[in-house]
Amino acid sequence: MATNFRCAKCANTEYETSEFRATGGFLSKIFDIQSRKFTTVTCTRCKYTEIYKAESGALGNIFDLFT
């Protein structure tokens, strides 16, 4: 992540990052394949969160299919 992060709401420079996956279309929902990956950046002071789309690898999709 960028080291020069500044919150758009309160101008705080401290943040936390995390990621989550989401399903794409109808078949992805049926087979519970989470084909879209996102990264979040959350301000530690006001909890304002920005979401960025990340690359989703094929290995993760295969793992989702078997679990």
N, C-alpha and C. Protein backbone atom coordinates (compact mmCIF):
# COMPACT_ATOMS: atom_id res chain seq x y z
N MET A 1 0.83 -1.19 0.00
CA MET A 1 0.00 0.00 0.00
C MET A 1 0.87 1.25 0.00
N ALA A 2 0.25 2.33 -0.33
CA ALA A 2 0.98 3.59 -0.39
C ALA A 2 1.35 4.06 1.02
N THR A 3 2.53 4.58 1.16
CA THR A 3 2.97 5.08 2.46
C THR A 3 2.52 6.51 2.69
N ASN A 4 1.99 7.16 1.67
CA ASN A 4 1.54 8.54 1.82
C ASN A 4 0.02 8.63 1.87
N PHE A 5 -0.64 7.63 2.47
CA PHE A 5 -2.09 7.61 2.58
C PHE A 5 -2.56 8.76 3.46
N ARG A 6 -3.61 9.43 3.04
CA ARG A 6 -4.26 10.46 3.84
C ARG A 6 -5.75 10.28 3.67
N CYS A 7 -6.45 10.11 4.79
CA CYS A 7 -7.90 9.88 4.76
C CYS A 7 -8.61 11.06 4.09
N ALA A 8 -9.55 10.75 3.22
CA ALA A 8 -10.31 11.78 2.51
C ALA A 8 -11.28 12.52 3.42
N LYS A 9 -11.65 11.92 4.54
CA LYS A 9 -12.63 12.53 5.45
C LYS A 9 -11.99 13.34 6.57
N CYS A 10 -10.94 12.78 7.22
CA CYS A 10 -10.38 13.44 8.41
C CYS A 10 -8.90 13.75 8.30
N ALA A 11 -8.25 13.42 7.19
CA ALA A 11 -6.83 13.70 6.92
C ALA A 11 -5.87 12.91 7.81
N ASN A 12 -6.34 11.87 8.46
CA ASN A 12 -5.48 11.00 9.26
C ASN A 12 -4.55 10.22 8.32
N THR A 13 -3.35 9.90 8.79
CA THR A 13 -2.40 9.18 7.95
C THR A 13 -2.23 7.72 8.37
N GLU A 14 -2.93 7.26 9.41
CA GLU A 14 -2.83 5.87 9.85
C GLU A 14 -4.00 5.09 9.29
N TYR A 15 -3.72 3.86 8.81
CA TYR A 15 -4.74 3.06 8.16
C TYR A 15 -4.49 1.57 8.38
N GLU A 16 -5.52 0.77 8.11
CA GLU A 16 -5.44 -0.68 8.13
C GLU A 16 -5.90 -1.19 6.78
N THR A 17 -5.33 -2.31 6.34
CA THR A 17 -5.76 -2.90 5.08
C THR A 17 -6.28 -4.30 5.33
N SER A 18 -7.19 -4.72 4.47
CA SER A 18 -7.69 -6.10 4.49
C SER A 18 -8.20 -6.42 3.09
N GLU A 19 -8.65 -7.64 2.90
CA GLU A 19 -9.19 -8.01 1.59
C GLU A 19 -10.38 -8.93 1.78
N PHE A 20 -11.22 -8.98 0.76
CA PHE A 20 -12.35 -9.90 0.76
C PHE A 20 -12.64 -10.33 -0.65
N ARG A 21 -13.39 -11.40 -0.79
CA ARG A 21 -13.77 -11.94 -2.09
C ARG A 21 -15.29 -11.92 -2.19
N ALA A 22 -15.78 -11.80 -3.42
CA ALA A 22 -17.21 -11.78 -3.67
C ALA A 22 -17.52 -12.62 -4.90
N THR A 23 -18.76 -13.09 -4.98
CA THR A 23 -19.16 -13.86 -6.15
C THR A 23 -19.42 -12.93 -7.31
N GLY A 24 -19.34 -13.47 -8.50
CA GLY A 24 -19.56 -12.68 -9.71
C GLY A 24 -20.97 -12.79 -10.23
N GLY A 25 -21.26 -13.81 -11.00
CA GLY A 25 -22.57 -13.96 -11.62
C GLY A 25 -23.37 -15.10 -11.02
N PHE A 26 -24.39 -15.50 -11.75
CA PHE A 26 -25.33 -16.51 -11.29
C PHE A 26 -24.65 -17.86 -11.02
N LEU A 27 -23.85 -18.36 -11.95
CA LEU A 27 -23.19 -19.65 -11.75
C LEU A 27 -22.17 -19.60 -10.62
N SER A 28 -21.52 -18.48 -10.45
CA SER A 28 -20.57 -18.32 -9.35
C SER A 28 -21.29 -18.43 -8.01
N LYS A 29 -22.50 -17.89 -7.94
CA LYS A 29 -23.27 -17.97 -6.70
C LYS A 29 -23.72 -19.40 -6.42
N ILE A 30 -24.14 -20.12 -7.47
CA ILE A 30 -24.60 -21.49 -7.28
C ILE A 30 -23.47 -22.38 -6.77
N PHE A 31 -22.30 -22.27 -7.38
CA PHE A 31 -21.17 -23.11 -7.00
C PHE A 31 -20.29 -22.48 -5.92
N ASP A 32 -20.69 -21.33 -5.41
CA ASP A 32 -19.96 -20.62 -4.34
C ASP A 32 -18.51 -20.36 -4.73
N ILE A 33 -18.31 -19.90 -5.96
CA ILE A 33 -16.98 -19.53 -6.44
C ILE A 33 -16.84 -18.02 -6.31
N GLN A 34 -15.93 -17.60 -5.48
CA GLN A 34 -15.75 -16.17 -5.23
C GLN A 34 -14.70 -15.64 -6.19
N SER A 35 -15.18 -15.15 -7.33
CA SER A 35 -14.29 -14.82 -8.44
C SER A 35 -13.78 -13.39 -8.43
N ARG A 36 -14.27 -12.57 -7.55
CA ARG A 36 -13.82 -11.17 -7.51
C ARG A 36 -13.13 -10.90 -6.18
N LYS A 37 -11.97 -10.26 -6.25
CA LYS A 37 -11.16 -9.98 -5.07
C LYS A 37 -11.03 -8.47 -4.89
N PHE A 38 -11.17 -8.00 -3.66
CA PHE A 38 -11.10 -6.57 -3.36
C PHE A 38 -10.18 -6.33 -2.17
N THR A 39 -9.50 -5.20 -2.19
CA THR A 39 -8.67 -4.76 -1.08
C THR A 39 -9.31 -3.53 -0.47
N THR A 40 -9.34 -3.48 0.87
CA THR A 40 -9.91 -2.31 1.55
C THR A 40 -8.82 -1.57 2.31
N VAL A 41 -8.97 -0.25 2.38
CA VAL A 41 -8.09 0.61 3.17
C VAL A 41 -9.00 1.38 4.11
N THR A 42 -8.81 1.19 5.43
CA THR A 42 -9.68 1.80 6.43
C THR A 42 -8.90 2.75 7.32
N CYS A 43 -9.39 3.95 7.47
CA CYS A 43 -8.79 4.94 8.36
C CYS A 43 -8.97 4.46 9.80
N THR A 44 -7.90 4.54 10.60
CA THR A 44 -7.99 4.07 11.98
C THR A 44 -8.73 5.05 12.89
N ARG A 45 -8.86 6.29 12.48
CA ARG A 45 -9.55 7.29 13.31
C ARG A 45 -11.05 7.29 13.07
N CYS A 46 -11.48 7.52 11.84
CA CYS A 46 -12.91 7.69 11.56
C CYS A 46 -13.56 6.48 10.91
N LYS A 47 -12.76 5.46 10.58
CA LYS A 47 -13.23 4.20 9.98
C LYS A 47 -13.76 4.36 8.55
N TYR A 48 -13.46 5.47 7.89
CA TYR A 48 -13.81 5.64 6.48
C TYR A 48 -13.04 4.57 5.69
N THR A 49 -13.74 3.86 4.79
CA THR A 49 -13.14 2.75 4.07
C THR A 49 -13.24 2.94 2.57
N GLU A 50 -12.14 2.74 1.89
CA GLU A 50 -12.11 2.76 0.43
C GLU A 50 -11.90 1.33 -0.05
N ILE A 51 -12.55 0.95 -1.15
CA ILE A 51 -12.47 -0.40 -1.69
C ILE A 51 -11.84 -0.34 -3.07
N TYR A 52 -10.84 -1.20 -3.29
CA TYR A 52 -10.14 -1.27 -4.56
C TYR A 52 -10.23 -2.68 -5.12
N LYS A 53 -10.48 -2.79 -6.41
CA LYS A 53 -10.53 -4.09 -7.06
C LYS A 53 -9.10 -4.61 -7.21
N ALA A 54 -8.90 -5.89 -6.86
CA ALA A 54 -7.59 -6.52 -6.95
C ALA A 54 -7.64 -7.66 -7.94
N GLU A 55 -6.48 -8.14 -8.36
CA GLU A 55 -6.41 -9.27 -9.26
C GLU A 55 -6.80 -10.54 -8.51
N SER A 56 -7.60 -11.36 -9.15
CA SER A 56 -8.02 -12.63 -8.56
C SER A 56 -7.37 -13.76 -9.35
N GLY A 57 -6.60 -14.58 -8.68
CA GLY A 57 -5.87 -15.65 -9.35
C GLY A 57 -6.72 -16.89 -9.57
N ALA A 58 -6.33 -17.69 -10.53
CA ALA A 58 -7.04 -18.92 -10.85
C ALA A 58 -6.90 -19.94 -9.72
N LEU A 59 -5.78 -19.94 -9.02
CA LEU A 59 -5.58 -20.87 -7.93
C LEU A 59 -6.62 -20.67 -6.83
N GLY A 60 -6.93 -19.44 -6.52
CA GLY A 60 -7.96 -19.16 -5.52
C GLY A 60 -9.32 -19.65 -5.94
N ASN A 61 -9.64 -19.52 -7.23
CA ASN A 61 -10.92 -20.01 -7.74
C ASN A 61 -11.01 -21.53 -7.66
N ILE A 62 -9.92 -22.21 -7.96
CA ILE A 62 -9.90 -23.67 -7.88
C ILE A 62 -10.07 -24.11 -6.44
N PHE A 63 -9.39 -23.45 -5.52
CA PHE A 63 -9.52 -23.77 -4.09
C PHE A 63 -10.96 -23.56 -3.63
N ASP A 64 -11.60 -22.46 -4.05
CA ASP A 64 -12.99 -22.20 -3.70
C ASP A 64 -13.92 -23.29 -4.20
N LEU A 65 -13.66 -23.81 -5.39
CA LEU A 65 -14.50 -24.85 -5.97
C LEU A 65 -14.48 -26.13 -5.13
N PHE A 66 -13.30 -26.51 -4.63
CA PHE A 66 -13.18 -27.74 -3.86
C PHE A 66 -13.58 -27.59 -2.41
N THR A 67 -13.61 -26.40 -1.89
CA THR A 67 -14.03 -26.21 -0.49
C THR A 67 -15.47 -25.83 -0.47
